[in-house]
């Protein structure tokens, strides 16, 4: 947790990588869920506030806070171009936001850790 906070925290949430180019909503939601499951509710609530700020007008969630967030990977079709998350509604972001808000761990199918 400390390493992730030190290397990937940005704008109150978490970036996809150490470049810290913008908040990655899906990853921030994953961290919010983990914080909630660990009983760190104050930190979880602060992350959920960041996630809520990324709600799109249609009720979904944007993948990122910036126009294009590099993942650190390249396109298979053109290795000179980065693979990005874009500021568009994203099912993964919405799914993890819902899991974080509800405190539901999809790996244990409970509201707890293994």
PDB file of N, CA and C in Angstrom:
ATOM      1  N   UNK A   1       0.824  -1.181   0.000  1.00  0.00           N
ATOM      2  CA  UNK A   1       0.000   0.000   0.000  1.00  0.00           C
ATOM      3  C   UNK A   1       0.871   1.250   0.000  1.00  0.00           C
ATOM      4  N   UNK A   2       1.894   1.236   0.841  1.00  0.00           N
ATOM      5  CA  UNK A   2       2.775   2.398   0.932  1.00  0.00           C
ATOM      6  C   UNK A   2       3.466   2.648  -0.397  1.00  0.00           C
ATOM      7  N   UNK A   3       3.920   1.583  -1.049  1.00  0.00           N
ATOM      8  CA  UNK A   3       4.597   1.724  -2.337  1.00  0.00           C
ATOM      9  C   UNK A   3       3.652   2.292  -3.382  1.00  0.00           C
ATOM     10  N   UNK A   4       2.434   1.799  -3.433  1.00  0.00           N
ATOM     11  CA  UNK A   4       1.455   2.320  -4.392  1.00  0.00           C
ATOM     12  C   UNK A   4       1.176   3.794  -4.120  1.00  0.00           C
ATOM     13  N   UNK A   5       1.010   4.150  -2.863  1.00  0.00           N
ATOM     14  CA  UNK A   5       0.774   5.561  -2.506  1.00  0.00           C
ATOM     15  C   UNK A   5       1.952   6.428  -2.948  1.00  0.00           C
ATOM     16  N   UNK A   6       3.173   5.959  -2.704  1.00  0.00           N
ATOM     17  CA  UNK A   6       4.355   6.744  -3.031  1.00  0.00           C
ATOM     18  C   UNK A   6       4.580   6.872  -4.533  1.00  0.00           C
ATOM     19  N   UNK A   7       4.313   5.811  -5.271  1.00  0.00           N
ATOM     20  CA  UNK A   7       4.680   5.780  -6.687  1.00  0.00           C
ATOM     21  C   UNK A   7       3.557   6.113  -7.656  1.00  0.00           C
ATOM     22  N   UNK A   8       2.313   5.985  -7.216  1.00  0.00           N
ATOM     23  CA  UNK A   8       1.215   6.120  -8.177  1.00  0.00           C
ATOM     24  C   UNK A   8       0.129   7.094  -7.768  1.00  0.00           C
ATOM     25  N   UNK A   9       0.223   7.713  -6.590  1.00  0.00           N
ATOM     26  CA  UNK A   9      -0.834   8.635  -6.176  1.00  0.00           C
ATOM     27  C   UNK A   9      -0.749   9.925  -6.981  1.00  0.00           C
ATOM     28  N   UNK A  10      -1.931  10.396  -7.367  1.00  0.00           N
ATOM     29  CA  UNK A  10      -2.031  11.632  -8.147  1.00  0.00           C
ATOM     30  C   UNK A  10      -3.446  12.178  -8.001  1.00  0.00           C
ATOM     31  N   UNK A  11      -3.578  13.460  -7.794  1.00  0.00           N
ATOM     32  CA  UNK A  11      -4.883  14.092  -7.768  1.00  0.00           C
ATOM     33  C   UNK A  11      -5.866  13.492  -6.784  1.00  0.00           C
ATOM     34  N   UNK A  12      -5.381  12.956  -5.684  1.00  0.00           N
ATOM     35  CA  UNK A  12      -6.259  12.346  -4.699  1.00  0.00           C
ATOM     36  C   UNK A  12      -6.589  10.897  -4.984  1.00  0.00           C
ATOM     37  N   UNK A  13      -6.216  10.400  -6.174  1.00  0.00           N
ATOM     38  CA  UNK A  13      -6.464   9.008  -6.553  1.00  0.00           C
ATOM     39  C   UNK A  13      -5.177   8.333  -6.965  1.00  0.00           C
ATOM     40  N   UNK A  14      -5.292   7.412  -7.917  1.00  0.00           N
ATOM     41  CA  UNK A  14      -4.135   6.663  -8.384  1.00  0.00           C
ATOM     42  C   UNK A  14      -4.058   6.688  -9.901  1.00  0.00           C
ATOM     43  N   UNK A  15      -2.844   6.773 -10.407  1.00  0.00           N
ATOM     44  CA  UNK A  15      -2.598   6.720 -11.835  1.00  0.00           C
ATOM     45  C   UNK A  15      -2.385   5.266 -12.253  1.00  0.00           C
ATOM     46  N   UNK A  16      -2.382   5.018 -13.550  1.00  0.00           N
ATOM     47  CA  UNK A  16      -2.149   3.666 -14.054  1.00  0.00           C
ATOM     48  C   UNK A  16      -0.716   3.231 -13.802  1.00  0.00           C
ATOM     49  N   UNK A  17       0.201   4.183 -13.810  1.00  0.00           N
ATOM     50  CA  UNK A  17       1.614   3.861 -13.605  1.00  0.00           C
ATOM     51  C   UNK A  17       2.319   4.990 -12.878  1.00  0.00           C
ATOM     52  N   UNK A  18       3.618   4.871 -12.826  1.00  0.00           N
ATOM     53  CA  UNK A  18       4.412   5.832 -12.075  1.00  0.00           C
ATOM     54  C   UNK A  18       4.553   7.186 -12.760  1.00  0.00           C
ATOM     55  N   UNK A  19       4.102   7.319 -13.989  1.00  0.00           N
ATOM     56  CA  UNK A  19       4.178   8.614 -14.678  1.00  0.00           C
ATOM     57  C   UNK A  19       3.253   9.648 -14.060  1.00  0.00           C
ATOM     58  N   UNK A  20       2.190   9.181 -13.418  1.00  0.00           N
ATOM     59  CA  UNK A  20       1.233  10.068 -12.748  1.00  0.00           C
ATOM     60  C   UNK A  20       0.654  11.130 -13.675  1.00  0.00           C
ATOM     61  N   UNK A  21       0.230  10.684 -14.851  1.00  0.00           N
ATOM     62  CA  UNK A  21      -0.304  11.602 -15.852  1.00  0.00           C
ATOM     63  C   UNK A  21      -1.766  11.955 -15.625  1.00  0.00           C
ATOM     64  N   UNK A  22      -2.455  11.256 -14.759  1.00  0.00           N
ATOM     65  CA  UNK A  22      -3.862  11.512 -14.482  1.00  0.00           C
ATOM     66  C   UNK A  22      -4.421  10.395 -13.630  1.00  0.00           C
ATOM     67  N   UNK A  23      -5.600  10.606 -13.087  1.00  0.00           N
ATOM     68  CA  UNK A  23      -6.240   9.596 -12.242  1.00  0.00           C
ATOM     69  C   UNK A  23      -6.850   8.511 -13.126  1.00  0.00           C
ATOM     70  N   UNK A  24      -6.589   7.263 -12.774  1.00  0.00           N
ATOM     71  CA  UNK A  24      -7.167   6.082 -13.413  1.00  0.00           C
ATOM     72  C   UNK A  24      -8.326   5.645 -12.523  1.00  0.00           C
ATOM     73  N   UNK A  25      -9.543   5.849 -12.977  1.00  0.00           N
ATOM     74  CA  UNK A  25     -10.729   5.615 -12.153  1.00  0.00           C
ATOM     75  C   UNK A  25     -10.852   4.164 -11.707  1.00  0.00           C
ATOM     76  N   UNK A  26     -10.611   3.233 -12.597  1.00  0.00           N
ATOM     77  CA  UNK A  26     -10.739   1.813 -12.259  1.00  0.00           C
ATOM     78  C   UNK A  26      -9.763   1.426 -11.149  1.00  0.00           C
ATOM     79  N   UNK A  27      -8.509   1.816 -11.285  1.00  0.00           N
ATOM     80  CA  UNK A  27      -7.508   1.491 -10.274  1.00  0.00           C
ATOM     81  C   UNK A  27      -7.758   2.211  -8.956  1.00  0.00           C
ATOM     82  N   UNK A  28      -8.237   3.447  -9.047  1.00  0.00           N
ATOM     83  CA  UNK A  28      -8.576   4.187  -7.832  1.00  0.00           C
ATOM     84  C   UNK A  28      -9.719   3.486  -7.106  1.00  0.00           C
ATOM     85  N   UNK A  29     -10.663   2.957  -7.854  1.00  0.00           N
ATOM     86  CA  UNK A  29     -11.773   2.201  -7.254  1.00  0.00           C
ATOM     87  C   UNK A  29     -11.281   0.919  -6.601  1.00  0.00           C
ATOM     88  N   UNK A  30     -10.330   0.252  -7.243  1.00  0.00           N
ATOM     89  CA  UNK A  30      -9.773  -0.960  -6.655  1.00  0.00           C
ATOM     90  C   UNK A  30      -9.092  -0.646  -5.327  1.00  0.00           C
ATOM     91  N   UNK A  31      -8.354   0.459  -5.291  1.00  0.00           N
ATOM     92  CA  UNK A  31      -7.696   0.856  -4.045  1.00  0.00           C
ATOM     93  C   UNK A  31      -8.729   1.269  -2.994  1.00  0.00           C
ATOM     94  N   UNK A  32      -9.787   1.951  -3.410  1.00  0.00           N
ATOM     95  CA  UNK A  32     -10.842   2.345  -2.463  1.00  0.00           C
ATOM     96  C   UNK A  32     -11.483   1.108  -1.843  1.00  0.00           C
ATOM     97  N   UNK A  33     -11.745   0.100  -2.659  1.00  0.00           N
ATOM     98  CA  UNK A  33     -12.325  -1.137  -2.148  1.00  0.00           C
ATOM     99  C   UNK A  33     -11.380  -1.805  -1.157  1.00  0.00           C
ATOM    100  N   UNK A  34     -10.115  -1.882  -1.500  1.00  0.00           N
ATOM    101  CA  UNK A  34      -9.155  -2.497  -0.591  1.00  0.00           C
ATOM    102  C   UNK A  34      -9.078  -1.737   0.728  1.00  0.00           C
ATOM    103  N   UNK A  35      -9.056  -0.414   0.650  1.00  0.00           N
ATOM    104  CA  UNK A  35      -9.015   0.392   1.879  1.00  0.00           C
ATOM    105  C   UNK A  35     -10.253   0.124   2.735  1.00  0.00           C
ATOM    106  N   UNK A  36     -11.402   0.044   2.080  1.00  0.00           N
ATOM    107  CA  UNK A  36     -12.649  -0.227   2.816  1.00  0.00           C
ATOM    108  C   UNK A  36     -12.585  -1.596   3.479  1.00  0.00           C
ATOM    109  N   UNK A  37     -12.098  -2.601   2.754  1.00  0.00           N
ATOM    110  CA  UNK A  37     -12.015  -3.955   3.301  1.00  0.00           C
ATOM    111  C   UNK A  37     -11.001  -4.049   4.444  1.00  0.00           C
ATOM    112  N   UNK A  38      -9.998  -3.183   4.419  1.00  0.00           N
ATOM    113  CA  UNK A  38      -8.995  -3.157   5.487  1.00  0.00           C
ATOM    114  C   UNK A  38      -9.434  -2.307   6.680  1.00  0.00           C
ATOM    115  N   UNK A  39     -10.621  -1.705   6.574  1.00  0.00           N
ATOM    116  CA  UNK A  39     -11.125  -0.876   7.665  1.00  0.00           C
ATOM    117  C   UNK A  39     -10.585   0.543   7.665  1.00  0.00           C
ATOM    118  N   UNK A  40      -9.941   0.939   6.601  1.00  0.00           N
ATOM    119  CA  UNK A  40      -9.387   2.298   6.485  1.00  0.00           C
ATOM    120  C   UNK A  40     -10.443   3.172   5.801  1.00  0.00           C
ATOM    121  N   UNK A  41     -11.544   3.395   6.514  1.00  0.00           N
ATOM    122  CA  UNK A  41     -12.709   4.038   5.911  1.00  0.00           C
ATOM    123  C   UNK A  41     -12.461   5.495   5.525  1.00  0.00           C
ATOM    124  N   UNK A  42     -11.667   6.212   6.272  1.00  0.00           N
ATOM    125  CA  UNK A  42     -11.397   7.610   5.931  1.00  0.00           C
ATOM    126  C   UNK A  42     -10.698   7.702   4.575  1.00  0.00           C
ATOM    127  N   UNK A  43      -9.691   6.853   4.352  1.00  0.00           N
ATOM    128  CA  UNK A  43      -8.980   6.855   3.070  1.00  0.00           C
ATOM    129  C   UNK A  43      -9.906   6.351   1.970  1.00  0.00           C
ATOM    130  N   UNK A  44     -10.678   5.316   2.248  1.00  0.00           N
ATOM    131  CA  UNK A  44     -11.628   4.793   1.262  1.00  0.00           C
ATOM    132  C   UNK A  44     -12.609   5.882   0.841  1.00  0.00           C
ATOM    133  N   UNK A  45     -13.139   6.615   1.812  1.00  0.00           N
ATOM    134  CA  UNK A  45     -14.104   7.678   1.510  1.00  0.00           C
ATOM    135  C   UNK A  45     -13.481   8.786   0.673  1.00  0.00           C
ATOM    136  N   UNK A  46     -12.216   9.115   0.934  1.00  0.00           N
ATOM    137  CA  UNK A  46     -11.565  10.164   0.140  1.00  0.00           C
ATOM    138  C   UNK A  46     -11.364   9.686  -1.302  1.00  0.00           C
ATOM    139  N   UNK A  47     -11.055   8.408  -1.479  1.00  0.00           N
ATOM    140  CA  UNK A  47     -10.906   7.871  -2.836  1.00  0.00           C
ATOM    141  C   UNK A  47     -12.255   7.800  -3.544  1.00  0.00           C
ATOM    142  N   UNK A  48     -13.299   7.431  -2.818  1.00  0.00           N
ATOM    143  CA  UNK A  48     -14.635   7.371  -3.420  1.00  0.00           C
ATOM    144  C   UNK A  48     -15.090   8.764  -3.860  1.00  0.00           C
ATOM    145  N   UNK A  49     -14.695   9.797  -3.142  1.00  0.00           N
ATOM    146  CA  UNK A  49     -15.018  11.171  -3.555  1.00  0.00           C
ATOM    147  C   UNK A  49     -14.347  11.502  -4.886  1.00  0.00           C
ATOM    148  N   UNK A  50     -13.117  11.061  -5.055  1.00  0.00           N
ATOM    149  CA  UNK A  50     -12.413  11.273  -6.327  1.00  0.00           C
ATOM    150  C   UNK A  50     -13.126  10.505  -7.436  1.00  0.00           C
ATOM    151  N   UNK A  51     -13.510   9.278  -7.152  1.00  0.00           N
ATOM    152  CA  UNK A  51     -14.220   8.455  -8.135  1.00  0.00           C
ATOM    153  C   UNK A  51     -15.536   9.121  -8.533  1.00  0.00           C
ATOM    154  N   UNK A  52     -16.287   9.592  -7.560  1.00  0.00           N
ATOM    155  CA  UNK A  52     -17.567  10.255  -7.840  1.00  0.00           C
ATOM    156  C   UNK A  52     -17.390  11.492  -8.713  1.00  0.00           C
ATOM    157  N   UNK A  53     -16.251  12.146  -8.601  1.00  0.00           N
ATOM    158  CA  UNK A  53     -15.996  13.330  -9.432  1.00  0.00           C
ATOM    159  C   UNK A  53     -15.814  12.945 -10.895  1.00  0.00           C
ATOM    160  N   UNK A  54     -15.672  11.661 -11.166  1.00  0.00           N
ATOM    161  CA  UNK A  54     -15.489  11.181 -12.535  1.00  0.00           C
ATOM    162  C   UNK A  54     -16.763  10.586 -13.135  1.00  0.00           C
ATOM    163  N   UNK A  55     -17.886  10.846 -12.487  1.00  0.00           N
ATOM    164  CA  UNK A  55     -19.164  10.364 -13.019  1.00  0.00           C
ATOM    165  C   UNK A  55     -19.511  11.166 -14.270  1.00  0.00           C
ATOM    166  N   UNK A  56     -19.879  10.460 -15.325  1.00  0.00           N
ATOM    167  CA  UNK A  56     -20.251  11.111 -16.584  1.00  0.00           C
ATOM    168  C   UNK A  56     -21.722  11.505 -16.552  1.00  0.00           C
ATOM    169  N   UNK A  57     -22.146  12.400 -17.435  1.00  0.00           N
ATOM    170  CA  UNK A  57     -23.547  12.848 -17.442  1.00  0.00           C
ATOM    171  C   UNK A  57     -24.552  11.708 -17.617  1.00  0.00           C
ATOM    172  N   UNK A  58     -24.147  10.611 -18.267  1.00  0.00           N
ATOM    173  CA  UNK A  58     -25.070   9.498 -18.465  1.00  0.00           C
ATOM    174  C   UNK A  58     -25.116   8.545 -17.267  1.00  0.00           C
ATOM    175  N   UNK A  59     -24.362   8.878 -16.199  1.00  0.00           N
ATOM    176  CA  UNK A  59     -24.374   8.064 -14.994  1.00  0.00           C
ATOM    177  C   UNK A  59     -23.237   7.069 -14.902  1.00  0.00           C
ATOM    178  N   UNK A  60     -22.480   6.932 -15.989  1.00  0.00           N
ATOM    179  CA  UNK A  60     -21.319   6.043 -15.969  1.00  0.00           C
ATOM    180  C   UNK A  60     -20.136   6.737 -15.319  1.00  0.00           C
ATOM    181  N   UNK A  61     -18.959   6.202 -15.543  1.00  0.00           N
ATOM    182  CA  UNK A  61     -17.735   6.789 -15.002  1.00  0.00           C
ATOM    183  C   UNK A  61     -16.686   6.885 -16.092  1.00  0.00           C
ATOM    184  N   UNK A  62     -16.002   8.025 -16.130  1.00  0.00           N
ATOM    185  CA  UNK A  62     -14.906   8.189 -17.074  1.00  0.00           C
ATOM    186  C   UNK A  62     -13.744   7.296 -16.673  1.00  0.00           C
ATOM    187  N   UNK A  63     -13.022   6.799 -17.639  1.00  0.00           N
ATOM    188  CA  UNK A  63     -11.866   5.944 -17.377  1.00  0.00           C
ATOM    189  C   UNK A  63     -10.736   6.717 -16.722  1.00  0.00           C
ATOM    190  N   UNK A  64     -10.633   8.009 -17.022  1.00  0.00           N
ATOM    191  CA  UNK A  64      -9.528   8.813 -16.520  1.00  0.00           C
ATOM    192  C   UNK A  64      -9.913  10.284 -16.443  1.00  0.00           C
ATOM    193  N   UNK A  65      -9.108  11.037 -15.726  1.00  0.00           N
ATOM    194  CA  UNK A  65      -9.358  12.478 -15.583  1.00  0.00           C
ATOM    195  C   UNK A  65      -8.767  13.289 -16.721  1.00  0.00           C
ATOM    196  N   UNK A  66      -7.951  12.665 -17.542  1.00  0.00           N
ATOM    197  CA  UNK A  66      -7.261  13.375 -18.627  1.00  0.00           C
ATOM    198  C   UNK A  66      -7.699  12.841 -19.976  1.00  0.00           C
ATOM    199  N   UNK A  67      -7.420  13.604 -21.014  1.00  0.00           N
ATOM    200  CA  UNK A  67      -7.826  13.230 -22.374  1.00  0.00           C
ATOM    201  C   UNK A  67      -7.331  11.839 -22.758  1.00  0.00           C
ATOM    202  N   UNK A  68      -6.049  11.558 -22.475  1.00  0.00           N
ATOM    203  CA  UNK A  68      -5.454  10.258 -22.792  1.00  0.00           C
ATOM    204  C   UNK A  68      -4.442   9.912 -21.709  1.00  0.00           C
ATOM    205  N   UNK A  69      -4.622   8.761 -21.086  1.00  0.00           N
ATOM    206  CA  UNK A  69      -3.742   8.311 -20.013  1.00  0.00           C
ATOM    207  C   UNK A  69      -2.926   7.115 -20.507  1.00  0.00           C
ATOM    208  N   UNK A  70      -1.612   7.288 -20.687  1.00  0.00           N
ATOM    209  CA  UNK A  70      -0.778   6.175 -21.153  1.00  0.00           C
ATOM    210  C   UNK A  70      -0.740   5.033 -20.137  1.00  0.00           C
ATOM    211  N   UNK A  71      -0.776   3.817 -20.651  1.00  0.00           N
ATOM    212  CA  UNK A  71      -0.737   2.641 -19.791  1.00  0.00           C
ATOM    213  C   UNK A  71       0.684   2.108 -19.605  1.00  0.00           C
ATOM    214  N   UNK A  72       1.609   2.577 -20.429  1.00  0.00           N
ATOM    215  CA  UNK A  72       2.965   2.035 -20.397  1.00  0.00           C
ATOM    216  C   UNK A  72       3.152   0.916 -21.409  1.00  0.00           C
ATOM    217  N   UNK A  73       2.066   0.535 -22.068  1.00  0.00           N
ATOM    218  CA  UNK A  73       2.120  -0.482 -23.119  1.00  0.00           C
ATOM    219  C   UNK A  73       1.990   0.203 -24.477  1.00  0.00           C
ATOM    220  N   UNK A  74       2.301  -0.511 -25.537  1.00  0.00           N
ATOM    221  CA  UNK A  74       2.175   0.031 -26.892  1.00  0.00           C
ATOM    222  C   UNK A  74       1.117  -0.754 -27.652  1.00  0.00           C
ATOM    223  N   UNK A  75       0.633  -0.156 -28.730  1.00  0.00           N
ATOM    224  CA  UNK A  75      -0.349  -0.825 -29.578  1.00  0.00           C
ATOM    225  C   UNK A  75       0.308  -1.977 -30.323  1.00  0.00           C
ATOM    226  N   UNK A  76      -0.366  -3.096 -30.397  1.00  0.00           N
ATOM    227  CA  UNK A  76       0.151  -4.227 -31.171  1.00  0.00           C
ATOM    228  C   UNK A  76       0.258  -3.865 -32.642  1.00  0.00           C
ATOM    229  N   UNK A  77      -0.669  -3.056 -33.110  1.00  0.00           N
ATOM    230  CA  UNK A  77      -0.709  -2.678 -34.522  1.00  0.00           C
ATOM    231  C   UNK A  77       0.321  -1.623 -34.899  1.00  0.00           C
ATOM    232  N   UNK A  78       0.806  -0.875 -33.915  1.00  0.00           N
ATOM    233  CA  UNK A  78       1.826   0.145 -34.158  1.00  0.00           C
ATOM    234  C   UNK A  78       2.632   0.360 -32.881  1.00  0.00           C
ATOM    235  N   UNK A  79       3.728  -0.366 -32.734  1.00  0.00           N
ATOM    236  CA  UNK A  79       4.527  -0.305 -31.511  1.00  0.00           C
ATOM    237  C   UNK A  79       5.147   1.062 -31.208  1.00  0.00           C
ATOM    238  N   UNK A  80       4.990   2.011 -32.119  1.00  0.00           N
ATOM    239  CA  UNK A  80       5.496   3.368 -31.852  1.00  0.00           C
ATOM    240  C   UNK A  80       4.465   4.214 -31.132  1.00  0.00           C
ATOM    241  N   UNK A  81       3.240   3.688 -30.981  1.00  0.00           N
ATOM    242  CA  UNK A  81       2.167   4.458 -30.342  1.00  0.00           C
ATOM    243  C   UNK A  81       1.761   3.820 -29.019  1.00  0.00           C
ATOM    244  N   UNK A  82       1.521   4.672 -28.009  1.00  0.00           N
ATOM    245  CA  UNK A  82       1.146   4.140 -26.695  1.00  0.00           C
ATOM    246  C   UNK A  82      -0.294   3.635 -26.672  1.00  0.00           C
ATOM    247  N   UNK A  83      -0.520   2.663 -25.804  1.00  0.00           N
ATOM    248  CA  UNK A  83      -1.881   2.210 -25.518  1.00  0.00           C
ATOM    249  C   UNK A  83      -2.401   3.126 -24.409  1.00  0.00           C
ATOM    250  N   UNK A  84      -3.544   3.724 -24.603  1.00  0.00           N
ATOM    251  CA  UNK A  84      -4.080   4.714 -23.666  1.00  0.00           C
ATOM    252  C   UNK A  84      -5.460   4.342 -23.160  1.00  0.00           C
ATOM    253  N   UNK A  85      -5.769   4.883 -21.989  1.00  0.00           N
ATOM    254  CA  UNK A  85      -7.153   4.982 -21.532  1.00  0.00           C
ATOM    255  C   UNK A  85      -7.580   6.397 -21.901  1.00  0.00           C
ATOM    256  N   UNK A  86      -8.815   6.542 -22.346  1.00  0.00           N
ATOM    257  CA  UNK A  86      -9.307   7.852 -22.758  1.00  0.00           C
ATOM    258  C   UNK A  86     -10.404   8.333 -21.805  1.00  0.00           C
ATOM    259  N   UNK A  87     -10.646   9.619 -21.816  1.00  0.00           N
ATOM    260  CA  UNK A  87     -11.694  10.203 -20.974  1.00  0.00           C
ATOM    261  C   UNK A  87     -13.054   9.938 -21.622  1.00  0.00           C
ATOM    262  N   UNK A  88     -13.450   8.698 -21.559  1.00  0.00           N
ATOM    263  CA  UNK A  88     -14.729   8.225 -22.077  1.00  0.00           C
ATOM    264  C   UNK A  88     -15.368   7.353 -20.999  1.00  0.00           C
ATOM    265  N   UNK A  89     -16.692   7.222 -21.050  1.00  0.00           N
ATOM    266  CA  UNK A  89     -17.349   6.297 -20.124  1.00  0.00           C
ATOM    267  C   UNK A  89     -16.777   4.909 -20.339  1.00  0.00           C
ATOM    268  N   UNK A  90     -16.543   4.202 -19.233  1.00  0.00           N
ATOM    269  CA  UNK A  90     -15.834   2.924 -19.306  1.00  0.00           C
ATOM    270  C   UNK A  90     -16.501   1.919 -18.371  1.00  0.00           C
ATOM    271  N   UNK A  91     -16.830   0.757 -18.887  1.00  0.00           N
ATOM    272  CA  UNK A  91     -17.518  -0.260 -18.099  1.00  0.00           C
ATOM    273  C   UNK A  91     -16.675  -0.732 -16.912  1.00  0.00           C
ATOM    274  N   UNK A  92     -15.377  -0.898 -17.115  1.00  0.00           N
ATOM    275  CA  UNK A  92     -14.501  -1.319 -16.021  1.00  0.00           C
ATOM    276  C   UNK A  92     -14.502  -0.313 -14.887  1.00  0.00           C
ATOM    277  N   UNK A  93     -14.443   0.965 -15.244  1.00  0.00           N
ATOM    278  CA  UNK A  93     -14.467   2.025 -14.219  1.00  0.00           C
ATOM    279  C   UNK A  93     -15.780   1.996 -13.455  1.00  0.00           C
ATOM    280  N   UNK A  94     -16.886   1.857 -14.175  1.00  0.00           N
ATOM    281  CA  UNK A  94     -18.199   1.827 -13.522  1.00  0.00           C
ATOM    282  C   UNK A  94     -18.344   0.598 -12.623  1.00  0.00           C
ATOM    283  N   UNK A  95     -17.874  -0.531 -13.092  1.00  0.00           N
ATOM    284  CA  UNK A  95     -17.989  -1.773 -12.323  1.00  0.00           C
ATOM    285  C   UNK A  95     -17.208  -1.699 -11.022  1.00  0.00           C
ATOM    286  N   UNK A  96     -15.951  -1.257 -11.111  1.00  0.00           N
ATOM    287  CA  UNK A  96     -15.134  -1.168  -9.902  1.00  0.00           C
ATOM    288  C   UNK A  96     -15.624  -0.068  -8.974  1.00  0.00           C
ATOM    289  N   UNK A  97     -16.180   1.009  -9.523  1.00  0.00           N
ATOM    290  CA  UNK A  97     -16.755   2.063  -8.671  1.00  0.00           C
ATOM    291  C   UNK A  97     -17.909   1.491  -7.850  1.00  0.00           C
ATOM    292  N   UNK A  98     -18.757   0.691  -8.488  1.00  0.00           N
ATOM    293  CA  UNK A  98     -19.885   0.079  -7.774  1.00  0.00           C
ATOM    294  C   UNK A  98     -19.401  -0.891  -6.701  1.00  0.00           C
ATOM    295  N   UNK A  99     -18.386  -1.685  -7.020  1.00  0.00           N
ATOM    296  CA  UNK A  99     -17.841  -2.623  -6.036  1.00  0.00           C
ATOM    297  C   UNK A  99     -17.248  -1.875  -4.845  1.00  0.00           C
ATOM    298  N   UNK A 100     -16.524  -0.791  -5.122  1.00  0.00           N
ATOM    299  CA  UNK A 100     -15.915  -0.007  -4.036  1.00  0.00           C
ATOM    300  C   UNK A 100     -16.985   0.626  -3.158  1.00  0.00           C
ATOM    301  N   UNK A 101     -17.975   1.224  -3.786  1.00  0.00           N
ATOM    302  CA  UNK A 101     -19.029   1.876  -3.017  1.00  0.00           C
ATOM    303  C   UNK A 101     -19.761   0.879  -2.124  1.00  0.00           C
ATOM    304  N   UNK A 102     -20.009  -0.308  -2.662  1.00  0.00           N
ATOM    305  CA  UNK A 102     -20.717  -1.328  -1.881  1.00  0.00           C
ATOM    306  C   UNK A 102     -19.829  -2.132  -0.946  1.00  0.00           C
ATOM    307  N   UNK A 103     -18.502  -1.971  -1.093  1.00  0.00           N
ATOM    308  CA  UNK A 103     -17.581  -2.724  -0.250  1.00  0.00           C
ATOM    309  C   UNK A 103     -17.601  -4.218  -0.530  1.00  0.00           C
ATOM    310  N   UNK A 104     -17.914  -4.584  -1.777  1.00  0.00           N
ATOM    311  CA  UNK A 104     -18.044  -5.990  -2.146  1.00  0.00           C
ATOM    312  C   UNK A 104     -16.783  -6.484  -2.844  1.00  0.00           C
ATOM    313  N   UNK A 105     -16.200  -7.560  -2.306  1.00  0.00           N
ATOM    314  CA  UNK A 105     -14.982  -8.145  -2.866  1.00  0.00           C
ATOM    315  C   UNK A 105     -15.378  -9.212  -3.891  1.00  0.00           C
ATOM    316  N   UNK A 106     -15.121  -8.978  -5.188  1.00  0.00           N
ATOM    317  CA  UNK A 106     -15.533  -9.950  -6.202  1.00  0.00           C
ATOM    318  C   UNK A 106     -14.697 -11.237  -6.180  1.00  0.00           C
ATOM    319  N   UNK A 107     -13.590 -11.214  -5.475  1.00  0.00           N
ATOM    320  CA  UNK A 107     -12.734 -12.391  -5.414  1.00  0.00           C
ATOM    321  C   UNK A 107     -13.168 -13.369  -4.325  1.00  0.00           C
ATOM    322  N   UNK A 108     -13.798 -12.864  -3.275  1.00  0.00           N
ATOM    323  CA  UNK A 108     -14.299 -13.737  -2.199  1.00  0.00           C
ATOM    324  C   UNK A 108     -15.821 -13.848  -2.243  1.00  0.00           C
ATOM    325  N   UNK A 109     -16.463 -13.004  -3.059  1.00  0.00           N
ATOM    326  CA  UNK A 109     -17.919 -12.936  -3.150  1.00  0.00           C
ATOM    327  C   UNK A 109     -18.548 -12.580  -1.805  1.00  0.00           C
ATOM    328  N   UNK A 110     -17.806 -11.780  -1.020  1.00  0.00           N
ATOM    329  CA  UNK A 110     -18.273 -11.327   0.279  1.00  0.00           C
ATOM    330  C   UNK A 110     -17.839  -9.861   0.467  1.00  0.00           C
ATOM    331  N   UNK A 111     -18.130  -9.316   1.622  1.00  0.00           N
ATOM    332  CA  UNK A 111     -17.652  -7.984   1.969  1.00  0.00           C
ATOM    333  C   UNK A 111     -16.426  -8.084   2.865  1.00  0.00           C
ATOM    334  N   UNK A 112     -15.622  -9.112   2.631  1.00  0.00           N
ATOM    335  CA  UNK A 112     -14.430  -9.325   3.448  1.00  0.00           C
ATOM    336  C   UNK A 112     -13.243  -9.785   2.621  1.00  0.00           C
ATOM    337  N   UNK A 113     -12.138  -9.887   3.301  1.00  0.00           N
ATOM    338  CA  UNK A 113     -10.908 -10.400   2.706  1.00  0.00           C
ATOM    339  C   UNK A 113     -10.803 -11.892   2.983  1.00  0.00           C
ATOM    340  N   UNK A 114     -10.009 -12.605   2.217  1.00  0.00           N
ATOM    341  CA  UNK A 114      -9.841 -14.052   2.486  1.00  0.00           C
ATOM    342  C   UNK A 114      -9.224 -14.297   3.851  1.00  0.00           C
TER     343      UNK A 114
END
